[in-house]
Amino acid sequence: MTRRNPFKYFKTSPDIIRLAVMLYVRFQFSLRNVEGLRHERGIDISRETVRYWLHRFGPMFAAEIRKRRIAGMGSSLRRWHLDEIFLKINGERHCLWHAVDHEGEVLESFVTKTRDKKAALKFLKKAMRKHGPPEVIVTDKLRSYSAALKEIGAGAWQETGR
């Protein structure tokens, strides 16, 4: 099955669309500034067009950047920081697990009702399946992490922070 071209019904070049969206997102120009910069280059687009492109193509461009970034980092060079916080959802207490890489990018988030070995194991397996195994995992002193890492066979990867 071939992937459908997302730019198929647009008259504007995909490079121009990508540049306009990246100017808005990456360099934090306003929609009017992007419109003005493109007008100076002879490309007549409105700010509403840029806004439409942003909502239509922004998630696609973000996914491409994320894939390239993860592929370029190499799984052995990463250091993950794992943490969990409690939050209330509809009046019930839940635990939000999240993994952050050495650059501060959130790799994975996971919500459970419990904060035990089973939940930690499920979260770690999900994160490792998606991003590959890290070199070092920095955790707090919660015993669920060490028990889950030992079960996976990655007990030596763990470092405890504060």
C-alpha atoms as a PDB file:
ATOM      1  CA  MET A   1       0.000   0.000   0.000  1.00  0.00           C
ATOM      2  CA  THR A   2       1.496   3.343  -1.035  1.00  0.00           C
ATOM      3  CA  ARG A   3       1.333   6.358   1.200  1.00  0.00           C
ATOM      4  CA  ARG A   4      -0.880   9.150  -0.089  1.00  0.00           C
ATOM      5  CA  ASN A   5       0.823  12.457  -0.868  1.00  0.00           C
ATOM      6  CA  PRO A   6      -0.390  14.970   1.766  1.00  0.00           C
ATOM      7  CA  PHE A   7       0.280  17.912  -0.601  1.00  0.00           C
ATOM      8  CA  LYS A   8      -1.745  16.464  -3.486  1.00  0.00           C
ATOM      9  CA  TYR A   9      -4.530  19.060  -3.676  1.00  0.00           C
ATOM     10  CA  PHE A  10      -2.403  22.132  -2.905  1.00  0.00           C
ATOM     11  CA  LYS A  11      -1.185  24.476  -5.652  1.00  0.00           C
ATOM     12  CA  THR A  12       1.698  25.732  -3.533  1.00  0.00           C
ATOM     13  CA  SER A  13       4.996  23.880  -3.512  1.00  0.00           C
ATOM     14  CA  PRO A  14       5.592  21.547  -0.532  1.00  0.00           C
ATOM     15  CA  ASP A  15       8.895  23.368   0.116  1.00  0.00           C
ATOM     16  CA  ILE A  16       7.096  26.688   0.519  1.00  0.00           C
ATOM     17  CA  ILE A  17       4.526  25.140   2.846  1.00  0.00           C
ATOM     18  CA  ARG A  18       7.264  23.508   4.929  1.00  0.00           C
ATOM     19  CA  LEU A  19       9.253  26.757   5.127  1.00  0.00           C
ATOM     20  CA  ALA A  20       6.228  28.813   6.171  1.00  0.00           C
ATOM     21  CA  VAL A  21       5.290  26.334   8.909  1.00  0.00           C
ATOM     22  CA  MET A  22       8.888  26.081  10.140  1.00  0.00           C
ATOM     23  CA  LEU A  23       9.255  29.882  10.262  1.00  0.00           C
ATOM     24  CA  TYR A  24       6.200  30.047  12.492  1.00  0.00           C
ATOM     25  CA  VAL A  25       7.104  27.096  14.733  1.00  0.00           C
ATOM     26  CA  ARG A  26      10.891  27.058  14.894  1.00  0.00           C
ATOM     27  CA  PHE A  27      11.647  30.785  14.874  1.00  0.00           C
ATOM     28  CA  GLN A  28       8.406  31.833  16.576  1.00  0.00           C
ATOM     29  CA  PHE A  29       7.458  34.428  13.998  1.00  0.00           C
ATOM     30  CA  SER A  30       3.889  35.677  14.066  1.00  0.00           C
ATOM     31  CA  LEU A  31       1.521  34.723  11.270  1.00  0.00           C
ATOM     32  CA  ARG A  32       1.763  38.289   9.943  1.00  0.00           C
ATOM     33  CA  ASN A  33       5.583  38.126   9.959  1.00  0.00           C
ATOM     34  CA  VAL A  34       5.547  34.862   8.001  1.00  0.00           C
ATOM     35  CA  GLU A  35       3.084  36.418   5.550  1.00  0.00           C
ATOM     36  CA  GLY A  36       5.360  39.476   5.163  1.00  0.00           C
ATOM     37  CA  LEU A  37       8.533  37.423   4.680  1.00  0.00           C
ATOM     38  CA  ARG A  38       6.903  35.294   2.010  1.00  0.00           C
ATOM     39  CA  HIS A  39       5.499  38.434   0.319  1.00  0.00           C
ATOM     40  CA  GLU A  40       9.033  39.904   0.136  1.00  0.00           C
ATOM     41  CA  ARG A  41      10.096  36.769  -1.763  1.00  0.00           C
ATOM     42  CA  GLY A  42       7.231  37.127  -4.219  1.00  0.00           C
ATOM     43  CA  ILE A  43       4.985  34.468  -2.675  1.00  0.00           C
ATOM     44  CA  ASP A  44       1.567  35.934  -1.981  1.00  0.00           C
ATOM     45  CA  ILE A  45      -0.095  34.024   0.873  1.00  0.00           C
ATOM     46  CA  SER A  46      -2.357  35.191   3.672  1.00  0.00           C
ATOM     47  CA  ARG A  47      -1.862  34.582   7.363  1.00  0.00           C
ATOM     48  CA  GLU A  48      -5.010  32.433   7.338  1.00  0.00           C
ATOM     49  CA  THR A  49      -3.329  30.197   4.774  1.00  0.00           C
ATOM     50  CA  VAL A  50      -0.276  29.862   7.033  1.00  0.00           C
ATOM     51  CA  ARG A  51      -2.545  29.064   9.995  1.00  0.00           C
ATOM     52  CA  TYR A  52      -4.353  26.406   7.956  1.00  0.00           C
ATOM     53  CA  TRP A  53      -1.031  24.873   6.859  1.00  0.00           C
ATOM     54  CA  LEU A  54       0.164  24.906  10.455  1.00  0.00           C
ATOM     55  CA  HIS A  55      -2.817  22.903  11.664  1.00  0.00           C
ATOM     56  CA  ARG A  56      -2.820  20.606   8.637  1.00  0.00           C
ATOM     57  CA  PHE A  57       0.912  19.852   8.299  1.00  0.00           C
ATOM     58  CA  GLY A  58       2.427  20.826  11.672  1.00  0.00           C
ATOM     59  CA  PRO A  59       1.917  17.413  13.341  1.00  0.00           C
ATOM     60  CA  MET A  60       3.303  15.640  10.273  1.00  0.00           C
ATOM     61  CA  PHE A  61       6.453  17.806  10.257  1.00  0.00           C
ATOM     62  CA  ALA A  62       6.875  17.344  14.018  1.00  0.00           C
ATOM     63  CA  ALA A  63       6.683  13.547  13.662  1.00  0.00           C
ATOM     64  CA  GLU A  64       9.325  13.624  10.895  1.00  0.00           C
ATOM     65  CA  ILE A  65      11.673  15.735  13.026  1.00  0.00           C
ATOM     66  CA  ARG A  66      11.147  13.466  16.040  1.00  0.00           C
ATOM     67  CA  LYS A  67      11.904  10.336  13.985  1.00  0.00           C
ATOM     68  CA  ARG A  68      15.064  11.850  12.498  1.00  0.00           C
ATOM     69  CA  ARG A  69      16.219  13.055  15.894  1.00  0.00           C
ATOM     70  CA  ILE A  70      15.693   9.696  17.590  1.00  0.00           C
ATOM     71  CA  ALA A  71      17.348   7.802  14.735  1.00  0.00           C
ATOM     72  CA  GLY A  72      20.362  10.120  14.799  1.00  0.00           C
ATOM     73  CA  MET A  73      20.931   9.923  18.543  1.00  0.00           C
ATOM     74  CA  GLY A  74      21.737   6.242  18.746  1.00  0.00           C
ATOM     75  CA  SER A  75      20.173   4.226  21.532  1.00  0.00           C
ATOM     76  CA  SER A  76      23.408   3.528  23.424  1.00  0.00           C
ATOM     77  CA  LEU A  77      24.180   7.211  23.958  1.00  0.00           C
ATOM     78  CA  ARG A  78      21.044   8.028  25.883  1.00  0.00           C
ATOM     79  CA  ARG A  79      20.422   8.609  29.541  1.00  0.00           C
ATOM     80  CA  TRP A  80      16.819   8.388  30.673  1.00  0.00           C
ATOM     81  CA  HIS A  81      15.322  10.001  33.756  1.00  0.00           C
ATOM     82  CA  LEU A  82      12.198   8.233  35.018  1.00  0.00           C
ATOM     83  CA  ASP A  83       9.726   9.757  37.418  1.00  0.00           C
ATOM     84  CA  GLU A  84       6.144   9.401  38.512  1.00  0.00           C
ATOM     85  CA  ILE A  85       3.681  11.927  39.853  1.00  0.00           C
ATOM     86  CA  PHE A  86       0.206  11.652  41.275  1.00  0.00           C
ATOM     87  CA  LEU A  87      -2.703  13.476  39.719  1.00  0.00           C
ATOM     88  CA  LYS A  88      -6.457  13.460  40.007  1.00  0.00           C
ATOM     89  CA  ILE A  89      -8.576  12.514  37.035  1.00  0.00           C
ATOM     90  CA  ASN A  90     -12.333  12.790  37.623  1.00  0.00           C
ATOM     91  CA  GLY A  91     -11.708  12.809  41.367  1.00  0.00           C
ATOM     92  CA  GLU A  92      -9.673   9.579  41.340  1.00  0.00           C
ATOM     93  CA  ARG A  93      -5.965   9.437  42.117  1.00  0.00           C
ATOM     94  CA  HIS A  94      -3.791   8.153  39.271  1.00  0.00           C
ATOM     95  CA  CYS A  95      -0.071   7.828  38.740  1.00  0.00           C
ATOM     96  CA  LEU A  96       1.574   9.473  35.701  1.00  0.00           C
ATOM     97  CA  TRP A  97       4.853   7.793  34.764  1.00  0.00           C
ATOM     98  CA  HIS A  98       7.147   9.622  32.368  1.00  0.00           C
ATOM     99  CA  ALA A  99      10.573   9.105  30.818  1.00  0.00           C
ATOM    100  CA  VAL A 100      12.720  12.079  29.827  1.00  0.00           C
ATOM    101  CA  ASP A 101      15.924  11.777  27.803  1.00  0.00           C
ATOM    102  CA  HIS A 102      19.237  13.535  28.489  1.00  0.00           C
ATOM    103  CA  GLU A 103      18.169  16.553  26.404  1.00  0.00           C
ATOM    104  CA  GLY A 104      14.908  17.064  28.275  1.00  0.00           C
ATOM    105  CA  GLU A 105      12.623  15.621  25.599  1.00  0.00           C
ATOM    106  CA  VAL A 106       9.699  13.636  27.012  1.00  0.00           C
ATOM    107  CA  LEU A 107      10.016  10.177  25.494  1.00  0.00           C
ATOM    108  CA  GLU A 108       7.023   8.416  26.952  1.00  0.00           C
ATOM    109  CA  SER A 109       4.122   9.057  29.338  1.00  0.00           C
ATOM    110  CA  PHE A 110       1.862   6.459  30.877  1.00  0.00           C
ATOM    111  CA  VAL A 111      -1.071   6.714  33.314  1.00  0.00           C
ATOM    112  CA  THR A 112      -1.956   3.928  35.761  1.00  0.00           C
ATOM    113  CA  LYS A 113      -4.060   3.612  38.883  1.00  0.00           C
ATOM    114  CA  THR A 114      -1.296   1.844  40.791  1.00  0.00           C
ATOM    115  CA  ARG A 115       2.339   2.584  41.559  1.00  0.00           C
ATOM    116  CA  ASP A 116       3.755  -0.912  41.758  1.00  0.00           C
ATOM    117  CA  LYS A 117       6.140  -3.278  39.985  1.00  0.00           C
ATOM    118  CA  LYS A 118       3.546  -4.341  37.422  1.00  0.00           C
ATOM    119  CA  ALA A 119       2.862  -0.741  36.353  1.00  0.00           C
ATOM    120  CA  ALA A 120       6.584   0.112  36.247  1.00  0.00           C
ATOM    121  CA  LEU A 121       7.300  -2.994  34.169  1.00  0.00           C
ATOM    122  CA  LYS A 122       4.545  -2.162  31.680  1.00  0.00           C
ATOM    123  CA  PHE A 123       5.811   1.422  31.382  1.00  0.00           C
ATOM    124  CA  LEU A 124       9.454   0.381  30.903  1.00  0.00           C
ATOM    125  CA  LYS A 125       8.585  -2.230  28.281  1.00  0.00           C
ATOM    126  CA  LYS A 126       6.490   0.286  26.373  1.00  0.00           C
ATOM    127  CA  ALA A 127       9.238   2.922  26.441  1.00  0.00           C
ATOM    128  CA  MET A 128      11.990   0.483  25.440  1.00  0.00           C
ATOM    129  CA  ARG A 129       9.911  -1.005  22.635  1.00  0.00           C
ATOM    130  CA  LYS A 130       9.354   2.443  21.169  1.00  0.00           C
ATOM    131  CA  HIS A 131      12.769   4.063  21.757  1.00  0.00           C
ATOM    132  CA  GLY A 132      15.225   1.211  22.266  1.00  0.00           C
ATOM    133  CA  PRO A 133      17.179   0.499  25.439  1.00  0.00           C
ATOM    134  CA  PRO A 134      19.134   3.353  27.064  1.00  0.00           C
ATOM    135  CA  GLU A 135      22.631   3.147  28.500  1.00  0.00           C
ATOM    136  CA  VAL A 136      21.683   4.512  31.924  1.00  0.00           C
ATOM    137  CA  ILE A 137      18.322   4.930  33.676  1.00  0.00           C
ATOM    138  CA  VAL A 138      18.194   7.507  36.473  1.00  0.00           C
ATOM    139  CA  THR A 139      15.330   6.933  38.917  1.00  0.00           C
ATOM    140  CA  ASP A 140      14.298   7.913  42.392  1.00  0.00           C
ATOM    141  CA  LYS A 141      14.497   5.323  45.155  1.00  0.00           C
ATOM    142  CA  LEU A 142      11.105   3.753  44.430  1.00  0.00           C
ATOM    143  CA  ARG A 143      11.502  -0.028  44.723  1.00  0.00           C
ATOM    144  CA  SER A 144       9.140  -0.656  41.814  1.00  0.00           C
ATOM    145  CA  TYR A 145      11.789   0.590  39.391  1.00  0.00           C
ATOM    146  CA  SER A 146      14.546  -1.698  40.652  1.00  0.00           C
ATOM    147  CA  ALA A 147      12.211  -4.721  40.723  1.00  0.00           C
ATOM    148  CA  ALA A 148      10.976  -4.046  37.180  1.00  0.00           C
ATOM    149  CA  LEU A 149      14.507  -3.435  35.853  1.00  0.00           C
ATOM    150  CA  LYS A 150      15.755  -6.664  37.431  1.00  0.00           C
ATOM    151  CA  GLU A 151      12.917  -8.581  35.801  1.00  0.00           C
ATOM    152  CA  ILE A 152      13.813  -7.119  32.402  1.00  0.00           C
ATOM    153  CA  GLY A 153      17.466  -7.894  33.011  1.00  0.00           C
ATOM    154  CA  ALA A 154      18.546  -4.277  33.133  1.00  0.00           C
ATOM    155  CA  GLY A 155      19.263  -3.915  36.832  1.00  0.00           C
ATOM    156  CA  ALA A 156      22.818  -2.706  36.171  1.00  0.00           C
ATOM    157  CA  TRP A 157      21.533   0.261  34.138  1.00  0.00           C
ATOM    158  CA  GLN A 158      19.877   1.913  37.121  1.00  0.00           C
ATOM    159  CA  GLU A 159      21.288   4.930  38.931  1.00  0.00           C
ATOM    160  CA  THR A 160      19.339   6.500  41.740  1.00  0.00           C
ATOM    161  CA  GLY A 161      19.102  10.259  41.951  1.00  0.00           C
ATOM    162  CA  ARG A 162      18.091  12.286  44.956  1.00  0.00           C
END
